[in-house]
Amino acid sequence: MALNEESGFESRIGKGTKASGKLNFRGPVKIEGEAEGEITGDEVVIASGAVVSARISAGKVTIAGAFSGEVTARERVELMATARAQCTINTPSLVLNEGAQFDGDCKMPTKKLAA
């Protein structure tokens, strides 16, 4: 899902909003503000300018902002050019776009993960 496709997101943490704790989303979520804690969902998108410190467990995760923590994705993780990630990633598919900054560990199991 493209980051600029606004209508595809059922849930959103907007700019200027800070959420913390256990956040569980059934549909796609776009985080534009700040979030910390545990985040679970089908698809999690961290927008450019967002700041997230969390443990994420989802089907797909796209990071374009600042992220620290741990990501477990059943399908794929993509770091966009503006991503600044300091984390541990567990996913069968990792995409690093040119310009993305990634400092951490990545484990890529051959079987899909039960996140």
PDB file of N, CA and C in Angstrom:
ATOM      1  N   MET A   1       0.847  -1.186   0.000  1.00  0.00           N
ATOM      2  CA  MET A   1       0.000   0.000   0.000  1.00  0.00           C
ATOM      3  C   MET A   1       0.886   1.240   0.000  1.00  0.00           C
ATOM      4  N   ALA A   2       0.602   2.155  -0.846  1.00  0.00           N
ATOM      5  CA  ALA A   2       1.401   3.378  -0.957  1.00  0.00           C
ATOM      6  C   ALA A   2       1.170   4.272   0.261  1.00  0.00           C
ATOM      7  N   LEU A   3       2.207   4.965   0.669  1.00  0.00           N
ATOM      8  CA  LEU A   3       2.095   5.841   1.829  1.00  0.00           C
ATOM      9  C   LEU A   3       1.145   7.011   1.599  1.00  0.00           C
ATOM     10  N   ASN A   4       1.000   7.426   0.357  1.00  0.00           N
ATOM     11  CA  ASN A   4       0.148   8.583   0.090  1.00  0.00           C
ATOM     12  C   ASN A   4      -1.291   8.196  -0.215  1.00  0.00           C
ATOM     13  N   GLU A   5      -1.638   6.931  -0.062  1.00  0.00           N
ATOM     14  CA  GLU A   5      -3.003   6.486  -0.317  1.00  0.00           C
ATOM     15  C   GLU A   5      -3.813   6.676   0.964  1.00  0.00           C
ATOM     16  N   GLU A   6      -4.380   7.837   1.156  1.00  0.00           N
ATOM     17  CA  GLU A   6      -5.025   8.224   2.401  1.00  0.00           C
ATOM     18  C   GLU A   6      -6.281   7.420   2.719  1.00  0.00           C
ATOM     19  N   SER A   7      -7.068   7.054   1.738  1.00  0.00           N
ATOM     20  CA  SER A   7      -8.349   6.406   1.983  1.00  0.00           C
ATOM     21  C   SER A   7      -8.218   4.968   2.452  1.00  0.00           C
ATOM     22  N   GLY A   8      -7.041   4.355   2.326  1.00  0.00           N
ATOM     23  CA  GLY A   8      -6.871   2.968   2.688  1.00  0.00           C
ATOM     24  C   GLY A   8      -6.683   2.714   4.174  1.00  0.00           C
ATOM     25  N   PHE A   9      -6.609   3.759   4.994  1.00  0.00           N
ATOM     26  CA  PHE A   9      -6.336   3.587   6.406  1.00  0.00           C
ATOM     27  C   PHE A   9      -7.601   3.779   7.230  1.00  0.00           C
ATOM     28  N   GLU A  10      -7.964   2.734   7.965  1.00  0.00           N
ATOM     29  CA  GLU A  10      -9.135   2.800   8.833  1.00  0.00           C
ATOM     30  C   GLU A  10      -8.808   3.513  10.138  1.00  0.00           C
ATOM     31  N   SER A  11      -7.558   3.389  10.585  1.00  0.00           N
ATOM     32  CA  SER A  11      -7.128   3.991  11.846  1.00  0.00           C
ATOM     33  C   SER A  11      -5.914   4.876  11.610  1.00  0.00           C
ATOM     34  N   ARG A  12      -5.800   5.915  12.439  1.00  0.00           N
ATOM     35  CA  ARG A  12      -4.703   6.856  12.278  1.00  0.00           C
ATOM     36  C   ARG A  12      -4.374   7.502  13.628  1.00  0.00           C
ATOM     37  N   ILE A  13      -3.070   7.639  13.883  1.00  0.00           N
ATOM     38  CA  ILE A  13      -2.600   8.434  15.008  1.00  0.00           C
ATOM     39  C   ILE A  13      -1.978   9.657  14.359  1.00  0.00           C
ATOM     40  N   GLY A  14      -2.686  10.766  14.396  1.00  0.00           N
ATOM     41  CA  GLY A  14      -2.308  11.960  13.653  1.00  0.00           C
ATOM     42  C   GLY A  14      -1.153  12.732  14.251  1.00  0.00           C
ATOM     43  N   LYS A  15      -0.625  13.684  13.455  1.00  0.00           N
ATOM     44  CA  LYS A  15       0.445  14.575  13.911  1.00  0.00           C
ATOM     45  C   LYS A  15      -0.036  15.307  15.148  1.00  0.00           C
ATOM     46  N   GLY A  16       0.858  15.485  16.113  1.00  0.00           N
ATOM     47  CA  GLY A  16       0.500  16.188  17.338  1.00  0.00           C
ATOM     48  C   GLY A  16      -0.139  15.288  18.377  1.00  0.00           C
ATOM     49  N   THR A  17      -0.356  14.017  18.044  1.00  0.00           N
ATOM     50  CA  THR A  17      -0.963  13.065  18.969  1.00  0.00           C
ATOM     51  C   THR A  17       0.105  12.122  19.493  1.00  0.00           C
ATOM     52  N   LYS A  18       0.028  11.813  20.787  1.00  0.00           N
ATOM     53  CA  LYS A  18       0.943  10.837  21.378  1.00  0.00           C
ATOM     54  C   LYS A  18       0.112   9.745  22.030  1.00  0.00           C
ATOM     55  N   ALA A  19       0.358   8.501  21.617  1.00  0.00           N
ATOM     56  CA  ALA A  19      -0.358   7.360  22.172  1.00  0.00           C
ATOM     57  C   ALA A  19       0.643   6.404  22.798  1.00  0.00           C
ATOM     58  N   SER A  20       0.255   5.814  23.926  1.00  0.00           N
ATOM     59  CA  SER A  20       1.149   4.849  24.562  1.00  0.00           C
ATOM     60  C   SER A  20       0.331   3.719  25.174  1.00  0.00           C
ATOM     61  N   GLY A  21       0.996   2.571  25.336  1.00  0.00           N
ATOM     62  CA  GLY A  21       0.328   1.404  25.901  1.00  0.00           C
ATOM     63  C   GLY A  21       0.227   0.295  24.881  1.00  0.00           C
ATOM     64  N   LYS A  22      -0.778  -0.572  25.052  1.00  0.00           N
ATOM     65  CA  LYS A  22      -1.016  -1.664  24.115  1.00  0.00           C
ATOM     66  C   LYS A  22      -2.034  -1.186  23.079  1.00  0.00           C
ATOM     67  N   LEU A  23      -1.587  -1.071  21.836  1.00  0.00           N
ATOM     68  CA  LEU A  23      -2.447  -0.599  20.753  1.00  0.00           C
ATOM     69  C   LEU A  23      -2.700  -1.761  19.802  1.00  0.00           C
ATOM     70  N   ASN A  24      -3.977  -2.101  19.579  1.00  0.00           N
ATOM     71  CA  ASN A  24      -4.331  -3.219  18.724  1.00  0.00           C
ATOM     72  C   ASN A  24      -5.263  -2.730  17.620  1.00  0.00           C
ATOM     73  N   PHE A  25      -4.874  -2.952  16.367  1.00  0.00           N
ATOM     74  CA  PHE A  25      -5.654  -2.491  15.224  1.00  0.00           C
ATOM     75  C   PHE A  25      -6.061  -3.679  14.358  1.00  0.00           C
ATOM     76  N   ARG A  26      -7.320  -3.728  13.940  1.00  0.00           N
ATOM     77  CA  ARG A  26      -7.795  -4.810  13.083  1.00  0.00           C
ATOM     78  C   ARG A  26      -7.511  -4.548  11.614  1.00  0.00           C
ATOM     79  N   GLY A  27      -7.536  -3.301  11.206  1.00  0.00           N
ATOM     80  CA  GLY A  27      -7.267  -2.932   9.816  1.00  0.00           C
ATOM     81  C   GLY A  27      -5.954  -2.185   9.722  1.00  0.00           C
ATOM     82  N   PRO A  28      -5.661  -1.615   8.562  1.00  0.00           N
ATOM     83  CA  PRO A  28      -4.428  -0.839   8.386  1.00  0.00           C
ATOM     84  C   PRO A  28      -4.415   0.403   9.289  1.00  0.00           C
ATOM     85  N   VAL A  29      -3.248   0.718   9.840  1.00  0.00           N
ATOM     86  CA  VAL A  29      -3.100   1.906  10.678  1.00  0.00           C
ATOM     87  C   VAL A  29      -1.923   2.725  10.175  1.00  0.00           C
ATOM     88  N   LYS A  30      -2.098   4.032  10.204  1.00  0.00           N
ATOM     89  CA  LYS A  30      -1.033   4.959   9.825  1.00  0.00           C
ATOM     90  C   LYS A  30      -0.698   5.809  11.045  1.00  0.00           C
ATOM     91  N   ILE A  31       0.574   5.789  11.432  1.00  0.00           N
ATOM     92  CA  ILE A  31       1.017   6.569  12.583  1.00  0.00           C
ATOM     93  C   ILE A  31       1.785   7.780  12.062  1.00  0.00           C
ATOM     94  N   GLU A  32       1.253   8.967  12.335  1.00  0.00           N
ATOM     95  CA  GLU A  32       1.886  10.213  11.897  1.00  0.00           C
ATOM     96  C   GLU A  32       2.438  11.000  13.074  1.00  0.00           C
ATOM     97  N   GLY A  33       2.005  10.659  14.288  1.00  0.00           N
ATOM     98  CA  GLY A  33       2.447  11.355  15.498  1.00  0.00           C
ATOM     99  C   GLY A  33       3.474  10.543  16.245  1.00  0.00           C
ATOM    100  N   GLU A  34       3.243  10.381  17.564  1.00  0.00           N
ATOM    101  CA  GLU A  34       4.160   9.623  18.411  1.00  0.00           C
ATOM    102  C   GLU A  34       3.421   8.448  19.029  1.00  0.00           C
ATOM    103  N   ALA A  35       4.112   7.318  19.131  1.00  0.00           N
ATOM    104  CA  ALA A  35       3.521   6.140  19.761  1.00  0.00           C
ATOM    105  C   ALA A  35       4.608   5.351  20.474  1.00  0.00           C
ATOM    106  N   GLU A  36       4.231   4.732  21.593  1.00  0.00           N
ATOM    107  CA  GLU A  36       5.161   3.881  22.319  1.00  0.00           C
ATOM    108  C   GLU A  36       4.388   2.769  23.001  1.00  0.00           C
ATOM    109  N   GLY A  37       5.061   1.632  23.183  1.00  0.00           N
ATOM    110  CA  GLY A  37       4.427   0.492  23.835  1.00  0.00           C
ATOM    111  C   GLY A  37       4.422  -0.727  22.934  1.00  0.00           C
ATOM    112  N   GLU A  38       3.270  -1.396  22.856  1.00  0.00           N
ATOM    113  CA  GLU A  38       3.103  -2.567  22.002  1.00  0.00           C
ATOM    114  C   GLU A  38       2.039  -2.272  20.956  1.00  0.00           C
ATOM    115  N   ILE A  39       2.359  -2.545  19.695  1.00  0.00           N
ATOM    116  CA  ILE A  39       1.426  -2.283  18.600  1.00  0.00           C
ATOM    117  C   ILE A  39       1.219  -3.572  17.822  1.00  0.00           C
ATOM    118  N   THR A  40      -0.038  -3.969  17.649  1.00  0.00           N
ATOM    119  CA  THR A  40      -0.356  -5.139  16.839  1.00  0.00           C
ATOM    120  C   THR A  40      -1.395  -4.753  15.805  1.00  0.00           C
ATOM    121  N   GLY A  41      -1.330  -5.409  14.643  1.00  0.00           N
ATOM    122  CA  GLY A  41      -2.296  -5.127  13.596  1.00  0.00           C
ATOM    123  C   GLY A  41      -1.961  -5.860  12.318  1.00  0.00           C
ATOM    124  N   ASP A  42      -2.810  -5.679  11.318  1.00  0.00           N
ATOM    125  CA  ASP A  42      -2.593  -6.311  10.013  1.00  0.00           C
ATOM    126  C   ASP A  42      -1.487  -5.602   9.246  1.00  0.00           C
ATOM    127  N   GLU A  43      -1.602  -4.261   9.170  1.00  0.00           N
ATOM    128  CA  GLU A  43      -0.621  -3.456   8.450  1.00  0.00           C
ATOM    129  C   GLU A  43      -0.358  -2.180   9.235  1.00  0.00           C
ATOM    130  N   VAL A  44       0.913  -1.928   9.540  1.00  0.00           N
ATOM    131  CA  VAL A  44       1.301  -0.748  10.308  1.00  0.00           C
ATOM    132  C   VAL A  44       2.230   0.103   9.445  1.00  0.00           C
ATOM    133  N   VAL A  45       1.855   1.379   9.274  1.00  0.00           N
ATOM    134  CA  VAL A  45       2.673   2.318   8.511  1.00  0.00           C
ATOM    135  C   VAL A  45       3.099   3.448   9.446  1.00  0.00           C
ATOM    136  N   ILE A  46       4.422   3.638   9.553  1.00  0.00           N
ATOM    137  CA  ILE A  46       4.969   4.744  10.340  1.00  0.00           C
ATOM    138  C   ILE A  46       5.378   5.808   9.334  1.00  0.00           C
ATOM    139  N   ALA A  47       4.628   6.898   9.305  1.00  0.00           N
ATOM    140  CA  ALA A  47       4.821   7.950   8.305  1.00  0.00           C
ATOM    141  C   ALA A  47       6.078   8.762   8.567  1.00  0.00           C
ATOM    142  N   SER A  48       6.538   9.458   7.544  1.00  0.00           N
ATOM    143  CA  SER A  48       7.672  10.361   7.667  1.00  0.00           C
ATOM    144  C   SER A  48       7.337  11.432   8.702  1.00  0.00           C
ATOM    145  N   GLY A  49       8.232  11.674   9.626  1.00  0.00           N
ATOM    146  CA  GLY A  49       7.981  12.656  10.680  1.00  0.00           C
ATOM    147  C   GLY A  49       7.450  12.036  11.965  1.00  0.00           C
ATOM    148  N   ALA A  50       6.986  10.792  11.916  1.00  0.00           N
ATOM    149  CA  ALA A  50       6.481  10.115  13.103  1.00  0.00           C
ATOM    150  C   ALA A  50       7.644   9.616  13.951  1.00  0.00           C
ATOM    151  N   VAL A  51       7.399   9.471  15.250  1.00  0.00           N
ATOM    152  CA  VAL A  51       8.401   8.951  16.179  1.00  0.00           C
ATOM    153  C   VAL A  51       7.751   7.813  16.965  1.00  0.00           C
ATOM    154  N   VAL A  52       8.276   6.606  16.781  1.00  0.00           N
ATOM    155  CA  VAL A  52       7.680   5.426  17.411  1.00  0.00           C
ATOM    156  C   VAL A  52       8.754   4.627  18.135  1.00  0.00           C
ATOM    157  N   SER A  53       8.460   4.283  19.374  1.00  0.00           N
ATOM    158  CA  SER A  53       9.316   3.415  20.179  1.00  0.00           C
ATOM    159  C   SER A  53       8.421   2.298  20.691  1.00  0.00           C
ATOM    160  N   ALA A  54       8.520   1.113  20.056  1.00  0.00           N
ATOM    161  CA  ALA A  54       7.545   0.076  20.382  1.00  0.00           C
ATOM    162  C   ALA A  54       8.002  -1.312  19.973  1.00  0.00           C
ATOM    163  N   ARG A  55       7.211  -2.277  20.382  1.00  0.00           N
ATOM    164  CA  ARG A  55       7.327  -3.646  19.897  1.00  0.00           C
ATOM    165  C   ARG A  55       6.132  -3.827  18.961  1.00  0.00           C
ATOM    166  N   ILE A  56       6.419  -4.018  17.674  1.00  0.00           N
ATOM    167  CA  ILE A  56       5.360  -4.134  16.672  1.00  0.00           C
ATOM    168  C   ILE A  56       5.254  -5.575  16.201  1.00  0.00           C
ATOM    169  N   SER A  57       4.023  -6.057  16.118  1.00  0.00           N
ATOM    170  CA  SER A  57       3.739  -7.386  15.602  1.00  0.00           C
ATOM    171  C   SER A  57       2.610  -7.230  14.586  1.00  0.00           C
ATOM    172  N   ALA A  58       2.910  -7.501  13.292  1.00  0.00           N
ATOM    173  CA  ALA A  58       1.923  -7.265  12.248  1.00  0.00           C
ATOM    174  C   ALA A  58       2.210  -8.123  11.027  1.00  0.00           C
ATOM    175  N   GLY A  59       1.297  -8.069  10.072  1.00  0.00           N
ATOM    176  CA  GLY A  59       1.506  -8.755   8.804  1.00  0.00           C
ATOM    177  C   GLY A  59       2.535  -8.026   7.963  1.00  0.00           C
ATOM    178  N   LYS A  60       2.310  -6.718   7.762  1.00  0.00           N
ATOM    179  CA  LYS A  60       3.220  -5.868   6.990  1.00  0.00           C
ATOM    180  C   LYS A  60       3.529  -4.619   7.795  1.00  0.00           C
ATOM    181  N   VAL A  61       4.787  -4.183   7.716  1.00  0.00           N
ATOM    182  CA  VAL A  61       5.198  -2.959   8.409  1.00  0.00           C
ATOM    183  C   VAL A  61       5.999  -2.109   7.435  1.00  0.00           C
ATOM    184  N   THR A  62       5.600  -0.834   7.315  1.00  0.00           N
ATOM    185  CA  THR A  62       6.321   0.124   6.481  1.00  0.00           C
ATOM    186  C   THR A  62       6.788   1.260   7.387  1.00  0.00           C
ATOM    187  N   ILE A  63       8.089   1.562   7.331  1.00  0.00           N
ATOM    188  CA  ILE A  63       8.650   2.597   8.193  1.00  0.00           C
ATOM    189  C   ILE A  63       9.233   3.714   7.333  1.00  0.00           C
ATOM    190  N   ALA A  64       8.731   4.949   7.552  1.00  0.00           N
ATOM    191  CA  ALA A  64       9.262   6.115   6.857  1.00  0.00           C
ATOM    192  C   ALA A  64       9.748   7.166   7.851  1.00  0.00           C
ATOM    193  N   GLY A  65       9.415   6.986   9.123  1.00  0.00           N
ATOM    194  CA  GLY A  65       9.812   7.926  10.161  1.00  0.00           C
ATOM    195  C   GLY A  65      10.899   7.354  11.050  1.00  0.00           C
ATOM    196  N   ALA A  66      10.939   7.827  12.310  1.00  0.00           N
ATOM    197  CA  ALA A  66      11.925   7.358  13.278  1.00  0.00           C
ATOM    198  C   ALA A  66      11.316   6.230  14.096  1.00  0.00           C
ATOM    199  N   PHE A  67      12.034   5.109  14.164  1.00  0.00           N
ATOM    200  CA  PHE A  67      11.526   3.955  14.894  1.00  0.00           C
ATOM    201  C   PHE A  67      12.637   3.308  15.712  1.00  0.00           C
ATOM    202  N   SER A  68      12.309   2.946  16.945  1.00  0.00           N
ATOM    203  CA  SER A  68      13.220   2.146  17.766  1.00  0.00           C
ATOM    204  C   SER A  68      12.397   1.074  18.457  1.00  0.00           C
ATOM    205  N   GLY A  69      12.992  -0.097  18.591  1.00  0.00           N
ATOM    206  CA  GLY A  69      12.280  -1.191  19.237  1.00  0.00           C
ATOM    207  C   GLY A  69      12.472  -2.498  18.517  1.00  0.00           C
ATOM    208  N   GLU A  70      11.366  -3.225  18.354  1.00  0.00           N
ATOM    209  CA  GLU A  70      11.398  -4.552  17.754  1.00  0.00           C
ATOM    210  C   GLU A  70      10.214  -4.717  16.804  1.00  0.00           C
ATOM    211  N   VAL A  71      10.479  -5.301  15.638  1.00  0.00           N
ATOM    212  CA  VAL A  71       9.425  -5.547  14.650  1.00  0.00           C
ATOM    213  C   VAL A  71       9.384  -7.035  14.324  1.00  0.00           C
ATOM    214  N   THR A  72       8.202  -7.626  14.407  1.00  0.00           N
ATOM    215  CA  THR A  72       7.975  -8.985  13.942  1.00  0.00           C
ATOM    216  C   THR A  72       6.862  -8.903  12.913  1.00  0.00           C
ATOM    217  N   ALA A  73       7.199  -9.210  11.656  1.00  0.00           N
ATOM    218  CA  ALA A  73       6.214  -9.128  10.571  1.00  0.00           C
ATOM    219  C   ALA A  73       6.071 -10.493   9.907  1.00  0.00           C
ATOM    220  N   ARG A  74       4.830 -10.936   9.719  1.00  0.00           N
ATOM    221  CA  ARG A  74       4.563 -12.229   9.098  1.00  0.00           C
ATOM    222  C   ARG A  74       4.913 -12.244   7.624  1.00  0.00           C
ATOM    223  N   GLU A  75       4.760 -11.078   6.938  1.00  0.00           N
ATOM    224  CA  GLU A  75       4.967 -11.034   5.495  1.00  0.00           C
ATOM    225  C   GLU A  75       6.185 -10.215   5.074  1.00  0.00           C
ATOM    226  N   ARG A  76       6.238  -8.922   5.530  1.00  0.00           N
ATOM    227  CA  ARG A  76       7.285  -8.053   4.994  1.00  0.00           C
ATOM    228  C   ARG A  76       7.467  -6.806   5.843  1.00  0.00           C
ATOM    229  N   VAL A  77       8.722  -6.299   5.821  1.00  0.00           N
ATOM    230  CA  VAL A  77       9.062  -5.007   6.418  1.00  0.00           C
ATOM    231  C   VAL A  77       9.740  -4.182   5.338  1.00  0.00           C
ATOM    232  N   GLU A  78       9.302  -2.921   5.198  1.00  0.00           N
ATOM    233  CA  GLU A  78       9.935  -2.024   4.222  1.00  0.00           C
ATOM    234  C   GLU A  78      10.367  -0.752   4.918  1.00  0.00           C
ATOM    235  N   LEU A  79      11.638  -0.388   4.725  1.00  0.00           N
ATOM    236  CA  LEU A  79      12.158   0.870   5.238  1.00  0.00           C
ATOM    237  C   LEU A  79      12.278   1.832   4.064  1.00  0.00           C
ATOM    238  N   MET A  80      11.506   2.905   4.122  1.00  0.00           N
ATOM    239  CA  MET A  80      11.503   3.906   3.061  1.00  0.00           C
ATOM    240  C   MET A  80      12.767   4.766   3.163  1.00  0.00           C
ATOM    241  N   ALA A  81      13.012   5.607   2.184  1.00  0.00           N
ATOM    242  CA  ALA A  81      14.219   6.434   2.124  1.00  0.00           C
ATOM    243  C   ALA A  81      14.377   7.347   3.339  1.00  0.00           C
ATOM    244  N   THR A  82      13.268   7.762   3.947  1.00  0.00           N
ATOM    245  CA  THR A  82      13.316   8.684   5.087  1.00  0.00           C
ATOM    246  C   THR A  82      13.365   7.959   6.433  1.00  0.00           C
ATOM    247  N   ALA A  83      13.384   6.628   6.429  1.00  0.00           N
ATOM    248  CA  ALA A  83      13.361   5.841   7.667  1.00  0.00           C
ATOM    249  C   ALA A  83      14.648   6.000   8.461  1.00  0.00           C
ATOM    250  N   ARG A  84      14.496   6.061   9.771  1.00  0.00           N
ATOM    251  CA  ARG A  84      15.609   6.093  10.714  1.00  0.00           C
ATOM    252  C   ARG A  84      15.281   5.034  11.762  1.00  0.00           C
ATOM    253  N   ALA A  85      15.730   3.805  11.544  1.00  0.00           N
ATOM    254  CA  ALA A  85      15.341   2.687  12.397  1.00  0.00           C
ATOM    255  C   ALA A  85      16.520   2.159  13.206  1.00  0.00           C
ATOM    256  N   GLN A  86      16.305   2.031  14.497  1.00  0.00           N
ATOM    257  CA  GLN A  86      17.276   1.418  15.397  1.00  0.00           C
ATOM    258  C   GLN A  86      16.502   0.311  16.105  1.00  0.00           C
ATOM    259  N   CYS A  87      16.603  -0.926  15.543  1.00  0.00           N
ATOM    260  CA  CYS A  87      15.706  -1.969  16.002  1.00  0.00           C
ATOM    261  C   CYS A  87      16.169  -3.368  15.630  1.00  0.00           C
ATOM    262  N   THR A  88      15.405  -4.328  16.098  1.00  0.00           N
ATOM    263  CA  THR A  88      15.559  -5.728  15.720  1.00  0.00           C
ATOM    264  C   THR A  88      14.370  -6.076  14.836  1.00  0.00           C
ATOM    265  N   ILE A  89      14.646  -6.688  13.691  1.00  0.00           N
ATOM    266  CA  ILE A  89      13.584  -7.032  12.746  1.00  0.00           C
ATOM    267  C   ILE A  89      13.558  -8.542  12.539  1.00  0.00           C
ATOM    268  N   ASN A  90      12.364  -9.122  12.604  1.00  0.00           N
ATOM    269  CA  ASN A  90      12.138 -10.527  12.290  1.00  0.00           C
ATOM    270  C   ASN A  90      11.080 -10.575  11.192  1.00  0.00           C
ATOM    271  N   THR A  91      11.466 -10.979   9.988  1.00  0.00           N
ATOM    272  CA  THR A  91      10.531 -11.016   8.872  1.00  0.00           C
ATOM    273  C   THR A  91      11.087 -11.897   7.758  1.00  0.00           C
ATOM    274  N   PRO A  92      10.212 -12.539   6.979  1.00  0.00           N
ATOM    275  CA  PRO A  92      10.716 -13.324   5.847  1.00  0.00           C
ATOM    276  C   PRO A  92      11.142 -12.459   4.659  1.00  0.00           C
ATOM    277  N   SER A  93      10.710 -11.177   4.621  1.00  0.00           N
ATOM    278  CA  SER A  93      11.034 -10.295   3.499  1.00  0.00           C
ATOM    279  C   SER A  93      11.356  -8.890   4.008  1.00  0.00           C
ATOM    280  N   LEU A  94      12.564  -8.387   3.682  1.00  0.00           N
ATOM    281  CA  LEU A  94      12.983  -7.046   4.105  1.00  0.00           C
ATOM    282  C   LEU A  94      13.358  -6.233   2.884  1.00  0.00           C
ATOM    283  N   VAL A  95      12.798  -5.005   2.793  1.00  0.00           N
ATOM    284  CA  VAL A  95      13.115  -4.093   1.695  1.00  0.00           C
ATOM    285  C   VAL A  95      13.714  -2.834   2.298  1.00  0.00           C
ATOM    286  N   LEU A  96      14.942  -2.507   1.876  1.00  0.00           N
ATOM    287  CA  LEU A  96      15.603  -1.276   2.310  1.00  0.00           C
ATOM    288  C   LEU A  96      15.733  -0.355   1.108  1.00  0.00           C
ATOM    289  N   ASN A  97      15.033   0.759   1.125  1.00  0.00           N
ATOM    290  CA  ASN A  97      15.141   1.724   0.039  1.00  0.00           C
ATOM    291  C   ASN A  97      16.392   2.567   0.238  1.00  0.00           C
ATOM    292  N   GLU A  98      16.944   3.048  -0.866  1.00  0.00           N
ATOM    293  CA  GLU A  98      18.148   3.874  -0.807  1.00  0.00           C
ATOM    294  C   GLU A  98      17.890   5.101   0.052  1.00  0.00           C
ATOM    295  N   GLY A  99      18.794   5.345   1.001  1.00  0.00           N
ATOM    296  CA  GLY A  99      18.660   6.480   1.911  1.00  0.00           C
ATOM    297  C   GLY A  99      18.177   6.072   3.293  1.00  0.00           C
ATOM    298  N   ALA A 100      17.571   4.898   3.414  1.00  0.00           N
ATOM    299  CA  ALA A 100      17.089   4.435   4.714  1.00  0.00           C
ATOM    300  C   ALA A 100      18.272   4.183   5.643  1.00  0.00           C
ATOM    301  N   GLN A 101      18.106   4.531   6.915  1.00  0.00           N
ATOM    302  CA  GLN A 101      19.133   4.275   7.918  1.00  0.00           C
ATOM    303  C   GLN A 101      18.635   3.177   8.846  1.00  0.00           C
ATOM    304  N   PHE A 102      19.380   2.058   8.891  1.00  0.00           N
ATOM    305  CA  PHE A 102      19.004   0.919   9.725  1.00  0.00           C
ATOM    306  C   PHE A 102      20.184   0.513  10.586  1.00  0.00           C
ATOM    307  N   ASP A 103      19.996   0.545  11.894  1.00  0.00           N
ATOM    308  CA  ASP A 103      21.024   0.132  12.841  1.00  0.00           C
ATOM    309  C   ASP A 103      20.386  -0.917  13.739  1.00  0.00           C
ATOM    310  N   GLY A 104      20.812  -2.158  13.587  1.00  0.00           N
ATOM    311  CA  GLY A 104      20.231  -3.211  14.412  1.00  0.00           C
ATOM    312  C   GLY A 104      20.468  -4.578  13.824  1.00  0.00           C
ATOM    313  N   ASP A 105      19.597  -5.500  14.176  1.00  0.00           N
ATOM    314  CA  ASP A 105      19.694  -6.879  13.728  1.00  0.00           C
ATOM    315  C   ASP A 105      18.472  -7.243  12.903  1.00  0.00           C
ATOM    316  N   CYS A 106      18.686  -8.186  11.975  1.00  0.00           N
ATOM    317  CA  CYS A 106      17.573  -8.678  11.169  1.00  0.00           C
ATOM    318  C   CYS A 106      17.673 -10.191  11.072  1.00  0.00           C
ATOM    319  N   LYS A 107      16.582 -10.862  11.384  1.00  0.00           N
ATOM    320  CA  LYS A 107      16.492 -12.307  11.224  1.00  0.00           C
ATOM    321  C   LYS A 107      15.411 -12.571  10.184  1.00  0.00           C
ATOM    322  N   MET A 108      15.761 -13.409   9.212  1.00  0.00           N
ATOM    323  CA  MET A 108      14.827 -13.683   8.116  1.00  0.00           C
ATOM    324  C   MET A 108      14.568 -15.192   8.014  1.00  0.00           C
ATOM    325  N   PRO A 109      13.579 -15.662   8.768  1.00  0.00           N
ATOM    326  CA  PRO A 109      13.259 -17.086   8.709  1.00  0.00           C
ATOM    327  C   PRO A 109      12.658 -17.452   7.353  1.00  0.00           C
ATOM    328  N   THR A 110      12.872 -18.682   6.938  1.00  0.00           N
ATOM    329  CA  THR A 110      12.331 -19.120   5.649  1.00  0.00           C
ATOM    330  C   THR A 110      10.836 -19.382   5.736  1.00  0.00           C
ATOM    331  N   LYS A 111      10.329 -19.709   6.922  1.00  0.00           N
ATOM    332  CA  LYS A 111       8.894 -19.923   7.106  1.00  0.00           C
ATOM    333  C   LYS A 111       8.259 -18.615   7.560  1.00  0.00           C
ATOM    334  N   LYS A 112       6.955 -18.430   7.235  1.00  0.00           N
ATOM    335  CA  LYS A 112       6.254 -17.238   7.696  1.00  0.00           C
ATOM    336  C   LYS A 112       6.122 -17.287   9.206  1.00  0.00           C
ATOM    337  N   LEU A 113       6.210 -16.132   9.848  1.00  0.00           N
ATOM    338  CA  LEU A 113       6.163 -16.036  11.292  1.00  0.00           C
ATOM    339  C   LEU A 113       4.736 -15.991  11.800  1.00  0.00           C
ATOM    340  N   ALA A 114       4.514 -16.564  12.934  1.00  0.00           N
ATOM    341  CA  ALA A 114       3.207 -16.496  13.583  1.00  0.00           C
ATOM    342  C   ALA A 114       3.242 -15.323  14.556  1.00  0.00           C
ATOM    343  N   ALA A 115       2.980 -14.132  14.035  1.00  0.00           N
ATOM    344  CA  ALA A 115       3.060 -12.914  14.867  1.00  0.00           C
ATOM    345  C   ALA A 115       1.740 -12.645  15.532  1.00  0.00           C
TER     346      ALA A 115
END
